[in-house]
Amino acid sequence: MDPNNTCVEVQQIGHSVIVRDSKNPDGPTLSFSRDEWAAFLKGAKDGEFDLPDG
């Protein structure tokens, strides 16, 4: 668990990947195709979303 209590849940449903705030399970969700999710994960692993120093 995150010390700031910020958590997300990721679930595959059919051909979609669903993301939601774990503290608000009845709240809104984001839906991505498998290809979109794979591209996001690759970008995260490659540092594409890293903030610049300073």
N, C-alpha and C. Protein backbone atom coordinates (compact mmCIF):
# COMPACT_ATOMS: atom_id res chain seq x y z
N MET A 1 0.84 -1.19 0.00
CA MET A 1 0.00 0.00 0.00
C MET A 1 0.88 1.25 0.00
N ASP A 2 0.47 2.22 -0.73
CA ASP A 2 1.17 3.48 -0.82
C ASP A 2 1.03 4.26 0.49
N PRO A 3 2.09 4.88 1.00
CA PRO A 3 1.98 5.65 2.24
C PRO A 3 1.03 6.84 2.14
N ASN A 4 0.75 7.28 0.92
CA ASN A 4 -0.19 8.39 0.71
C ASN A 4 -1.60 7.90 0.45
N ASN A 5 -1.80 6.59 0.56
CA ASN A 5 -3.11 5.98 0.31
C ASN A 5 -3.63 6.27 -1.09
N THR A 6 -2.75 6.30 -2.07
CA THR A 6 -3.16 6.48 -3.46
C THR A 6 -2.92 5.18 -4.20
N CYS A 7 -3.98 4.52 -4.57
CA CYS A 7 -3.87 3.23 -5.22
C CYS A 7 -4.82 3.17 -6.42
N VAL A 8 -4.40 2.44 -7.43
CA VAL A 8 -5.27 2.18 -8.56
C VAL A 8 -5.39 0.67 -8.73
N GLU A 9 -6.47 0.25 -9.31
CA GLU A 9 -6.68 -1.16 -9.65
C GLU A 9 -6.76 -1.28 -11.16
N VAL A 10 -6.17 -2.34 -11.66
CA VAL A 10 -6.16 -2.61 -13.10
C VAL A 10 -6.74 -3.99 -13.30
N GLN A 11 -7.70 -4.10 -14.21
CA GLN A 11 -8.35 -5.39 -14.46
C GLN A 11 -8.59 -5.55 -15.95
N GLN A 12 -8.34 -6.74 -16.44
CA GLN A 12 -8.65 -7.04 -17.83
C GLN A 12 -10.05 -7.62 -17.90
N ILE A 13 -10.87 -7.02 -18.73
CA ILE A 13 -12.24 -7.50 -18.96
C ILE A 13 -12.41 -7.63 -20.46
N GLY A 14 -12.52 -8.85 -20.92
CA GLY A 14 -12.63 -9.09 -22.36
C GLY A 14 -11.40 -8.56 -23.07
N HIS A 15 -11.62 -7.67 -24.03
CA HIS A 15 -10.52 -7.09 -24.79
C HIS A 15 -10.10 -5.72 -24.26
N SER A 16 -10.59 -5.36 -23.07
CA SER A 16 -10.30 -4.05 -22.49
C SER A 16 -9.52 -4.18 -21.19
N VAL A 17 -8.77 -3.15 -20.88
CA VAL A 17 -8.09 -3.02 -19.59
C VAL A 17 -8.76 -1.84 -18.89
N ILE A 18 -9.28 -2.10 -17.69
CA ILE A 18 -10.02 -1.10 -16.94
C ILE A 18 -9.18 -0.65 -15.75
N VAL A 19 -9.13 0.67 -15.52
CA VAL A 19 -8.36 1.24 -14.41
C VAL A 19 -9.31 2.08 -13.57
N ARG A 20 -9.19 1.93 -12.23
CA ARG A 20 -10.03 2.73 -11.35
C ARG A 20 -9.29 3.05 -10.06
N ASP A 21 -9.80 4.01 -9.32
CA ASP A 21 -9.30 4.38 -8.00
C ASP A 21 -9.81 3.33 -7.02
N SER A 22 -8.90 2.64 -6.35
CA SER A 22 -9.32 1.56 -5.46
C SER A 22 -10.10 2.07 -4.25
N LYS A 23 -9.94 3.34 -3.90
CA LYS A 23 -10.70 3.89 -2.77
C LYS A 23 -12.11 4.29 -3.17
N ASN A 24 -12.40 4.31 -4.45
CA ASN A 24 -13.71 4.72 -4.93
C ASN A 24 -14.19 3.72 -5.98
N PRO A 25 -14.48 2.48 -5.55
CA PRO A 25 -14.81 1.42 -6.52
C PRO A 25 -16.07 1.69 -7.35
N ASP A 26 -16.95 2.57 -6.88
CA ASP A 26 -18.15 2.89 -7.65
C ASP A 26 -17.97 4.13 -8.50
N GLY A 27 -16.77 4.71 -8.47
CA GLY A 27 -16.50 5.92 -9.23
C GLY A 27 -16.19 5.63 -10.69
N PRO A 28 -15.72 6.64 -11.39
CA PRO A 28 -15.43 6.50 -12.82
C PRO A 28 -14.26 5.55 -13.07
N THR A 29 -14.22 5.02 -14.27
CA THR A 29 -13.13 4.15 -14.70
C THR A 29 -12.55 4.67 -16.00
N LEU A 30 -11.34 4.25 -16.28
CA LEU A 30 -10.72 4.49 -17.58
C LEU A 30 -10.64 3.16 -18.29
N SER A 31 -10.89 3.14 -19.58
CA SER A 31 -10.88 1.91 -20.35
C SER A 31 -9.90 2.05 -21.51
N PHE A 32 -9.03 1.04 -21.65
CA PHE A 32 -8.02 1.04 -22.70
C PHE A 32 -8.08 -0.28 -23.45
N SER A 33 -7.72 -0.26 -24.72
CA SER A 33 -7.56 -1.51 -25.45
C SER A 33 -6.28 -2.17 -24.94
N ARG A 34 -6.13 -3.46 -25.21
CA ARG A 34 -4.90 -4.15 -24.81
C ARG A 34 -3.68 -3.50 -25.45
N ASP A 35 -3.79 -3.10 -26.70
CA ASP A 35 -2.67 -2.46 -27.40
C ASP A 35 -2.32 -1.11 -26.77
N GLU A 36 -3.33 -0.34 -26.41
CA GLU A 36 -3.08 0.95 -25.75
C GLU A 36 -2.38 0.74 -24.40
N TRP A 37 -2.84 -0.24 -23.64
CA TRP A 37 -2.25 -0.52 -22.33
C TRP A 37 -0.80 -0.99 -22.48
N ALA A 38 -0.56 -1.84 -23.46
CA ALA A 38 0.80 -2.33 -23.70
C ALA A 38 1.72 -1.16 -24.09
N ALA A 39 1.23 -0.22 -24.89
CA ALA A 39 2.02 0.94 -25.27
C ALA A 39 2.31 1.82 -24.05
N PHE A 40 1.33 1.98 -23.18
CA PHE A 40 1.55 2.75 -21.95
C PHE A 40 2.62 2.09 -21.08
N LEU A 41 2.51 0.79 -20.87
CA LEU A 41 3.49 0.08 -20.04
C LEU A 41 4.89 0.19 -20.64
N LYS A 42 5.00 0.05 -21.95
CA LYS A 42 6.31 0.17 -22.61
C LYS A 42 6.88 1.56 -22.39
N GLY A 43 6.04 2.57 -22.56
CA GLY A 43 6.50 3.95 -22.35
C GLY A 43 6.94 4.18 -20.92
N ALA A 44 6.21 3.63 -19.95
CA ALA A 44 6.59 3.78 -18.54
C ALA A 44 7.92 3.10 -18.27
N LYS A 45 8.10 1.90 -18.80
CA LYS A 45 9.35 1.16 -18.60
C LYS A 45 10.52 1.87 -19.26
N ASP A 46 10.28 2.52 -20.38
CA ASP A 46 11.34 3.20 -21.14
C ASP A 46 11.62 4.61 -20.61
N GLY A 47 10.89 5.05 -19.58
CA GLY A 47 11.11 6.37 -18.99
C GLY A 47 10.44 7.51 -19.73
N GLU A 48 9.53 7.19 -20.63
CA GLU A 48 8.87 8.22 -21.44
C GLU A 48 8.11 9.25 -20.60
N PHE A 49 7.67 8.88 -19.42
CA PHE A 49 6.85 9.76 -18.59
C PHE A 49 7.61 10.33 -17.40
N ASP A 50 8.93 10.09 -17.34
CA ASP A 50 9.73 10.61 -16.24
C ASP A 50 9.74 12.13 -16.27
N LEU A 51 9.68 12.74 -15.09
CA LEU A 51 9.74 14.19 -14.99
C LEU A 51 11.19 14.64 -15.12
N PRO A 52 11.41 15.80 -15.73
CA PRO A 52 12.78 16.28 -15.84
C PRO A 52 13.33 16.64 -14.46
N ASP A 53 14.63 16.52 -14.29
CA ASP A 53 15.27 16.89 -13.03
C ASP A 53 15.17 18.39 -12.83
N GLY A 54 15.01 18.76 -11.55
CA GLY A 54 15.05 20.19 -11.22
C GLY A 54 13.73 20.72 -10.94
